[in-house]
Amino acid sequence: MSAPNDHEVVSIYPYTPEQLDRLMTDARECVLMWATKDNWPVGVYHSFVWRNGRIWITFAAHRHRANAIKRNPKVAVAVSGVAGVEPDCPMGSATAKGIGIFHDDDETKAWFYRALADKSYRDDPAKADRFVETLNSPMRTILEVIPTQWITFDSGKSARHMAGQINDTELGPRLTSDAERLAKFRQERGLGER
């Protein structure tokens, strides 16, 4: 096994399902992205909850993003390991393409507000209780994002590969961008196969 001499083929560093679950459980913030009416991509940081393979976020219902997502429910959510709290949180990143669904029922608000407050204030139950009270407003809505595709990058795996300290069996397959498009781009630039 030889270490790579560039950083062009990165699809071979995916998270395992366990790493993805760990990141999504531990990280405190994500970036929610959507398309505006004039097709501009926009992203905003949010606290979030990961539950049963879904991403849950809240914001005030009058925000432009609410109408935009109702108009086009295709969204993306990006999470960085830098947002992790625990030292064993995987480094790297995960981006989910998904479909957004809004919830305004009391049952969803009850479990979600508590879960978000407990995640945000892990070591301070009194602050968590106050946060639940703050969130519990008739002006808030809750967005559930159902992931349809993941793009992940395990930076720890990449670093070990660069240092020649990884077994090839730990690497993932090259995805289309690295298996086909890279060869085409290299050929167009008069470079050899890789």
C-alpha atoms as a PDB file:
ATOM      1  CA  MET A   1       0.000   0.000   0.000  1.00  0.00           C
ATOM      2  CA  SER A   2       1.392   3.375  -0.949  1.00  0.00           C
ATOM      3  CA  ALA A   3       0.405   6.730   0.462  1.00  0.00           C
ATOM      4  CA  PRO A   4      -1.298   9.134  -1.965  1.00  0.00           C
ATOM      5  CA  ASN A   5       0.732  12.089  -3.163  1.00  0.00           C
ATOM      6  CA  ASP A   6      -2.262  14.419  -3.595  1.00  0.00           C
ATOM      7  CA  HIS A   7      -5.707  15.048  -2.146  1.00  0.00           C
ATOM      8  CA  GLU A   8      -7.847  14.477  -5.255  1.00  0.00           C
ATOM      9  CA  VAL A   9      -9.398  11.069  -4.553  1.00  0.00           C
ATOM     10  CA  VAL A  10     -11.380  11.529  -1.347  1.00  0.00           C
ATOM     11  CA  SER A  11     -14.481   9.392  -1.886  1.00  0.00           C
ATOM     12  CA  ILE A  12     -12.457   6.437  -0.571  1.00  0.00           C
ATOM     13  CA  TYR A  13     -12.670   7.867   2.974  1.00  0.00           C
ATOM     14  CA  PRO A  14     -16.320   7.341   3.929  1.00  0.00           C
ATOM     15  CA  TYR A  15     -17.625   7.079   7.458  1.00  0.00           C
ATOM     16  CA  THR A  16     -18.839   3.732   8.697  1.00  0.00           C
ATOM     17  CA  PRO A  17     -22.525   3.707   9.725  1.00  0.00           C
ATOM     18  CA  GLU A  18     -21.356   3.734  13.354  1.00  0.00           C
ATOM     19  CA  GLN A  19     -19.180   6.816  12.783  1.00  0.00           C
ATOM     20  CA  LEU A  20     -22.029   8.620  11.042  1.00  0.00           C
ATOM     21  CA  ASP A  21     -24.385   7.862  13.918  1.00  0.00           C
ATOM     22  CA  ARG A  22     -21.759   8.986  16.440  1.00  0.00           C
ATOM     23  CA  LEU A  23     -21.145  12.280  14.620  1.00  0.00           C
ATOM     24  CA  MET A  24     -24.828  13.053  14.223  1.00  0.00           C
ATOM     25  CA  THR A  25     -25.548  12.215  17.859  1.00  0.00           C
ATOM     26  CA  ASP A  26     -22.652  14.217  19.282  1.00  0.00           C
ATOM     27  CA  ALA A  27     -22.316  17.307  17.061  1.00  0.00           C
ATOM     28  CA  ARG A  28     -24.213  20.328  18.296  1.00  0.00           C
ATOM     29  CA  GLU A  29     -24.618  22.304  15.079  1.00  0.00           C
ATOM     30  CA  CYS A  30     -25.408  21.716  11.442  1.00  0.00           C
ATOM     31  CA  VAL A  31     -25.864  23.881   8.374  1.00  0.00           C
ATOM     32  CA  LEU A  32     -29.336  23.630   6.837  1.00  0.00           C
ATOM     33  CA  MET A  33     -29.322  24.508   3.123  1.00  0.00           C
ATOM     34  CA  TRP A  34     -32.235  25.225   0.797  1.00  0.00           C
ATOM     35  CA  ALA A  35     -32.968  26.982  -2.502  1.00  0.00           C
ATOM     36  CA  THR A  36     -34.528  30.436  -2.598  1.00  0.00           C
ATOM     37  CA  LYS A  37     -37.304  31.431  -5.000  1.00  0.00           C
ATOM     38  CA  ASP A  38     -34.675  32.664  -7.486  1.00  0.00           C
ATOM     39  CA  ASN A  39     -32.654  29.416  -7.099  1.00  0.00           C
ATOM     40  CA  TRP A  40     -29.857  30.757  -4.917  1.00  0.00           C
ATOM     41  CA  PRO A  41     -28.501  28.238  -2.418  1.00  0.00           C
ATOM     42  CA  VAL A  42     -28.566  29.498   1.177  1.00  0.00           C
ATOM     43  CA  GLY A  43     -27.382  27.887   4.392  1.00  0.00           C
ATOM     44  CA  VAL A  44     -27.838  28.771   8.063  1.00  0.00           C
ATOM     45  CA  TYR A  45     -26.392  27.176  11.205  1.00  0.00           C
ATOM     46  CA  HIS A  46     -28.833  25.416  13.499  1.00  0.00           C
ATOM     47  CA  SER A  47     -28.753  23.276  16.594  1.00  0.00           C
ATOM     48  CA  PHE A  48     -30.285  19.909  15.778  1.00  0.00           C
ATOM     49  CA  VAL A  49     -31.356  16.516  17.055  1.00  0.00           C
ATOM     50  CA  TRP A  50     -30.560  13.206  15.354  1.00  0.00           C
ATOM     51  CA  ARG A  51     -33.323  10.694  16.016  1.00  0.00           C
ATOM     52  CA  ASN A  52     -34.202   7.442  14.232  1.00  0.00           C
ATOM     53  CA  GLY A  53     -32.078   8.321  11.199  1.00  0.00           C
ATOM     54  CA  ARG A  54     -33.682  11.742  10.773  1.00  0.00           C
ATOM     55  CA  ILE A  55     -32.425  15.287  11.383  1.00  0.00           C
ATOM     56  CA  TRP A  56     -34.713  17.570  13.404  1.00  0.00           C
ATOM     57  CA  ILE A  57     -34.387  21.372  13.438  1.00  0.00           C
ATOM     58  CA  THR A  58     -36.566  24.249  14.638  1.00  0.00           C
ATOM     59  CA  PHE A  59     -36.921  27.892  13.669  1.00  0.00           C
ATOM     60  CA  ALA A  60     -39.578  30.600  13.671  1.00  0.00           C
ATOM     61  CA  ALA A  61     -42.322  29.901  11.137  1.00  0.00           C
ATOM     62  CA  HIS A  62     -42.089  33.396   9.624  1.00  0.00           C
ATOM     63  CA  ARG A  63     -38.500  32.861   8.407  1.00  0.00           C
ATOM     64  CA  HIS A  64     -38.091  32.915   4.624  1.00  0.00           C
ATOM     65  CA  ARG A  65     -36.632  29.398   4.787  1.00  0.00           C
ATOM     66  CA  ALA A  66     -40.003  28.018   5.919  1.00  0.00           C
ATOM     67  CA  ASN A  67     -41.761  29.182   2.738  1.00  0.00           C
ATOM     68  CA  ALA A  68     -38.791  28.223   0.576  1.00  0.00           C
ATOM     69  CA  ILE A  69     -38.709  24.658   1.936  1.00  0.00           C
ATOM     70  CA  LYS A  70     -42.480  24.318   1.614  1.00  0.00           C
ATOM     71  CA  ARG A  71     -42.108  25.395  -2.011  1.00  0.00           C
ATOM     72  CA  ASN A  72     -39.171  23.023  -2.628  1.00  0.00           C
ATOM     73  CA  PRO A  73     -38.641  20.425   0.119  1.00  0.00           C
ATOM     74  CA  LYS A  74     -35.264  19.310  -1.270  1.00  0.00           C
ATOM     75  CA  VAL A  75     -32.700  20.412   1.317  1.00  0.00           C
ATOM     76  CA  ALA A  76     -29.206  19.532   2.460  1.00  0.00           C
ATOM     77  CA  VAL A  77     -27.731  19.374   5.940  1.00  0.00           C
ATOM     78  CA  ALA A  78     -23.970  19.491   6.599  1.00  0.00           C
ATOM     79  CA  VAL A  79     -22.322  18.538   9.891  1.00  0.00           C
ATOM     80  CA  SER A  80     -18.649  18.875  10.828  1.00  0.00           C
ATOM     81  CA  GLY A  81     -16.805  16.850  13.429  1.00  0.00           C
ATOM     82  CA  VAL A  82     -15.507  20.189  14.723  1.00  0.00           C
ATOM     83  CA  ALA A  83     -19.040  20.684  16.126  1.00  0.00           C
ATOM     84  CA  GLY A  84     -18.654  17.529  18.216  1.00  0.00           C
ATOM     85  CA  VAL A  85     -18.516  17.737  21.979  1.00  0.00           C
ATOM     86  CA  GLU A  86     -16.929  14.444  22.988  1.00  0.00           C
ATOM     87  CA  PRO A  87     -13.257  13.696  22.237  1.00  0.00           C
ATOM     88  CA  ASP A  88     -14.198  10.517  20.337  1.00  0.00           C
ATOM     89  CA  CYS A  89     -16.491  12.368  17.913  1.00  0.00           C
ATOM     90  CA  PRO A  90     -15.323  11.454  14.388  1.00  0.00           C
ATOM     91  CA  MET A  91     -13.401  14.169  12.606  1.00  0.00           C
ATOM     92  CA  GLY A  92     -14.410  14.993   9.070  1.00  0.00           C
ATOM     93  CA  SER A  93     -17.871  15.787   7.799  1.00  0.00           C
ATOM     94  CA  ALA A  94     -21.203  14.418   6.670  1.00  0.00           C
ATOM     95  CA  THR A  95     -23.686  16.020   4.289  1.00  0.00           C
ATOM     96  CA  ALA A  96     -27.193  14.681   3.793  1.00  0.00           C
ATOM     97  CA  LYS A  97     -29.342  15.416   0.791  1.00  0.00           C
ATOM     98  CA  GLY A  98     -32.894  15.046   1.997  1.00  0.00           C
ATOM     99  CA  ILE A  99     -36.552  15.919   1.992  1.00  0.00           C
ATOM    100  CA  GLY A 100     -37.917  18.379   4.554  1.00  0.00           C
ATOM    101  CA  ILE A 101     -41.257  17.822   6.277  1.00  0.00           C
ATOM    102  CA  PHE A 102     -42.774  20.341   8.716  1.00  0.00           C
ATOM    103  CA  HIS A 103     -44.385  19.436  12.043  1.00  0.00           C
ATOM    104  CA  ASP A 104     -46.450  21.712  14.262  1.00  0.00           C
ATOM    105  CA  ASP A 105     -48.195  19.171  16.505  1.00  0.00           C
ATOM    106  CA  ASP A 106     -47.877  19.207  20.300  1.00  0.00           C
ATOM    107  CA  GLU A 107     -46.565  15.635  20.501  1.00  0.00           C
ATOM    108  CA  THR A 108     -43.579  16.404  18.263  1.00  0.00           C
ATOM    109  CA  LYS A 109     -42.919  19.694  20.058  1.00  0.00           C
ATOM    110  CA  ALA A 110     -42.921  17.948  23.442  1.00  0.00           C
ATOM    111  CA  TRP A 111     -40.240  15.357  22.680  1.00  0.00           C
ATOM    112  CA  PHE A 112     -38.198  17.536  20.301  1.00  0.00           C
ATOM    113  CA  TYR A 113     -37.892  20.645  22.469  1.00  0.00           C
ATOM    114  CA  ARG A 114     -36.798  18.506  25.420  1.00  0.00           C
ATOM    115  CA  ALA A 115     -34.280  16.577  23.308  1.00  0.00           C
ATOM    116  CA  LEU A 116     -32.827  19.760  21.797  1.00  0.00           C
ATOM    117  CA  ALA A 117     -32.580  21.464  25.195  1.00  0.00           C
ATOM    118  CA  ASP A 118     -30.924  18.441  26.799  1.00  0.00           C
ATOM    119  CA  LYS A 119     -28.411  18.248  23.944  1.00  0.00           C
ATOM    120  CA  SER A 120     -27.700  21.990  24.066  1.00  0.00           C
ATOM    121  CA  TYR A 121     -27.305  22.116  27.856  1.00  0.00           C
ATOM    122  CA  ARG A 122     -25.983  18.648  28.713  1.00  0.00           C
ATOM    123  CA  ASP A 123     -24.488  19.716  32.013  1.00  0.00           C
ATOM    124  CA  ASP A 124     -27.071  22.238  33.177  1.00  0.00           C
ATOM    125  CA  PRO A 125     -30.620  20.895  33.640  1.00  0.00           C
ATOM    126  CA  ALA A 126     -31.915  24.283  34.836  1.00  0.00           C
ATOM    127  CA  LYS A 127     -30.770  25.989  31.605  1.00  0.00           C
ATOM    128  CA  ALA A 128     -32.236  23.107  29.612  1.00  0.00           C
ATOM    129  CA  ASP A 129     -35.609  23.616  31.312  1.00  0.00           C
ATOM    130  CA  ARG A 130     -35.523  27.362  30.555  1.00  0.00           C
ATOM    131  CA  PHE A 131     -34.619  26.618  26.930  1.00  0.00           C
ATOM    132  CA  VAL A 132     -37.652  24.318  26.589  1.00  0.00           C
ATOM    133  CA  GLU A 133     -39.841  27.181  27.827  1.00  0.00           C
ATOM    134  CA  THR A 134     -38.226  29.574  25.346  1.00  0.00           C
ATOM    135  CA  LEU A 135     -38.718  27.187  22.434  1.00  0.00           C
ATOM    136  CA  ASN A 136     -42.326  26.448  23.265  1.00  0.00           C
ATOM    137  CA  SER A 137     -43.823  29.263  21.194  1.00  0.00           C
ATOM    138  CA  PRO A 138     -46.762  29.189  18.762  1.00  0.00           C
ATOM    139  CA  MET A 139     -44.479  30.930  16.241  1.00  0.00           C
ATOM    140  CA  ARG A 140     -42.035  28.011  15.962  1.00  0.00           C
ATOM    141  CA  THR A 141     -42.125  25.164  13.489  1.00  0.00           C
ATOM    142  CA  ILE A 142     -40.122  21.940  13.424  1.00  0.00           C
ATOM    143  CA  LEU A 143     -38.429  20.600  10.317  1.00  0.00           C
ATOM    144  CA  GLU A 144     -37.756  16.886   9.939  1.00  0.00           C
ATOM    145  CA  VAL A 145     -35.161  16.091   7.277  1.00  0.00           C
ATOM    146  CA  ILE A 146     -35.314  12.582   5.843  1.00  0.00           C
ATOM    147  CA  PRO A 147     -31.885  11.808   4.342  1.00  0.00           C
ATOM    148  CA  THR A 148     -31.959  10.368   0.814  1.00  0.00           C
ATOM    149  CA  GLN A 149     -28.190  10.388   0.205  1.00  0.00           C
ATOM    150  CA  TRP A 150     -25.058  10.890   2.314  1.00  0.00           C
ATOM    151  CA  ILE A 151     -21.690  12.362   1.386  1.00  0.00           C
ATOM    152  CA  THR A 152     -19.181  11.622   4.151  1.00  0.00           C
ATOM    153  CA  PHE A 153     -15.498  12.266   4.665  1.00  0.00           C
ATOM    154  CA  ASP A 154     -13.461  10.628   7.429  1.00  0.00           C
ATOM    155  CA  SER A 155     -10.494  12.971   7.834  1.00  0.00           C
ATOM    156  CA  GLY A 156      -8.836  10.600  10.316  1.00  0.00           C
ATOM    157  CA  LYS A 157      -8.839   7.852   7.694  1.00  0.00           C
ATOM    158  CA  SER A 158      -7.459  10.293   5.126  1.00  0.00           C
ATOM    159  CA  ALA A 159      -4.627  11.364   7.442  1.00  0.00           C
ATOM    160  CA  ARG A 160      -3.697   7.740   8.174  1.00  0.00           C
ATOM    161  CA  HIS A 161      -3.707   6.984   4.438  1.00  0.00           C
ATOM    162  CA  MET A 162      -1.480   9.988   3.680  1.00  0.00           C
ATOM    163  CA  ALA A 163       0.944   8.739   6.362  1.00  0.00           C
ATOM    164  CA  GLY A 164       0.927   5.204   4.888  1.00  0.00           C
ATOM    165  CA  GLN A 165      -0.654   3.824   8.061  1.00  0.00           C
ATOM    166  CA  ILE A 166      -3.885   2.292   6.763  1.00  0.00           C
ATOM    167  CA  ASN A 167      -4.846  -1.074   5.390  1.00  0.00           C
ATOM    168  CA  ASP A 168      -6.431  -0.890   1.928  1.00  0.00           C
ATOM    169  CA  THR A 169      -9.398  -2.895   3.231  1.00  0.00           C
ATOM    170  CA  GLU A 170     -10.362   0.128   5.352  1.00  0.00           C
ATOM    171  CA  LEU A 171     -10.800   2.294   2.259  1.00  0.00           C
ATOM    172  CA  GLY A 172     -14.133   2.662   0.525  1.00  0.00           C
ATOM    173  CA  PRO A 173     -14.717   2.275  -3.215  1.00  0.00           C
ATOM    174  CA  ARG A 174     -14.089   5.194  -5.530  1.00  0.00           C
ATOM    175  CA  LEU A 175     -17.355   6.912  -6.282  1.00  0.00           C
ATOM    176  CA  THR A 176     -18.203   8.129  -9.791  1.00  0.00           C
ATOM    177  CA  SER A 177     -16.461  11.477  -9.352  1.00  0.00           C
ATOM    178  CA  ASP A 178     -13.173   9.750  -8.530  1.00  0.00           C
ATOM    179  CA  ALA A 179     -13.626   6.641 -10.685  1.00  0.00           C
ATOM    180  CA  GLU A 180     -14.821   8.270 -13.927  1.00  0.00           C
ATOM    181  CA  ARG A 181     -14.812  12.059 -13.843  1.00  0.00           C
ATOM    182  CA  LEU A 182     -11.263  12.324 -12.484  1.00  0.00           C
ATOM    183  CA  ALA A 183      -9.925  10.198 -15.368  1.00  0.00           C
ATOM    184  CA  LYS A 184     -11.758  12.398 -17.893  1.00  0.00           C
ATOM    185  CA  PHE A 185     -10.445  15.628 -16.340  1.00  0.00           C
ATOM    186  CA  ARG A 186      -6.886  14.255 -16.177  1.00  0.00           C
ATOM    187  CA  GLN A 187      -7.084  13.194 -19.835  1.00  0.00           C
ATOM    188  CA  GLU A 188      -8.359  16.660 -20.872  1.00  0.00           C
ATOM    189  CA  ARG A 189      -5.358  18.178 -19.116  1.00  0.00           C
ATOM    190  CA  GLY A 190      -2.883  15.765 -20.726  1.00  0.00           C
ATOM    191  CA  LEU A 191      -2.161  13.937 -17.490  1.00  0.00           C
ATOM    192  CA  GLY A 192      -1.708  10.207 -17.132  1.00  0.00           C
ATOM    193  CA  GLU A 193      -4.113   7.777 -15.560  1.00  0.00           C
ATOM    194  CA  ARG A 194      -4.303   7.595 -11.812  1.00  0.00           C
END
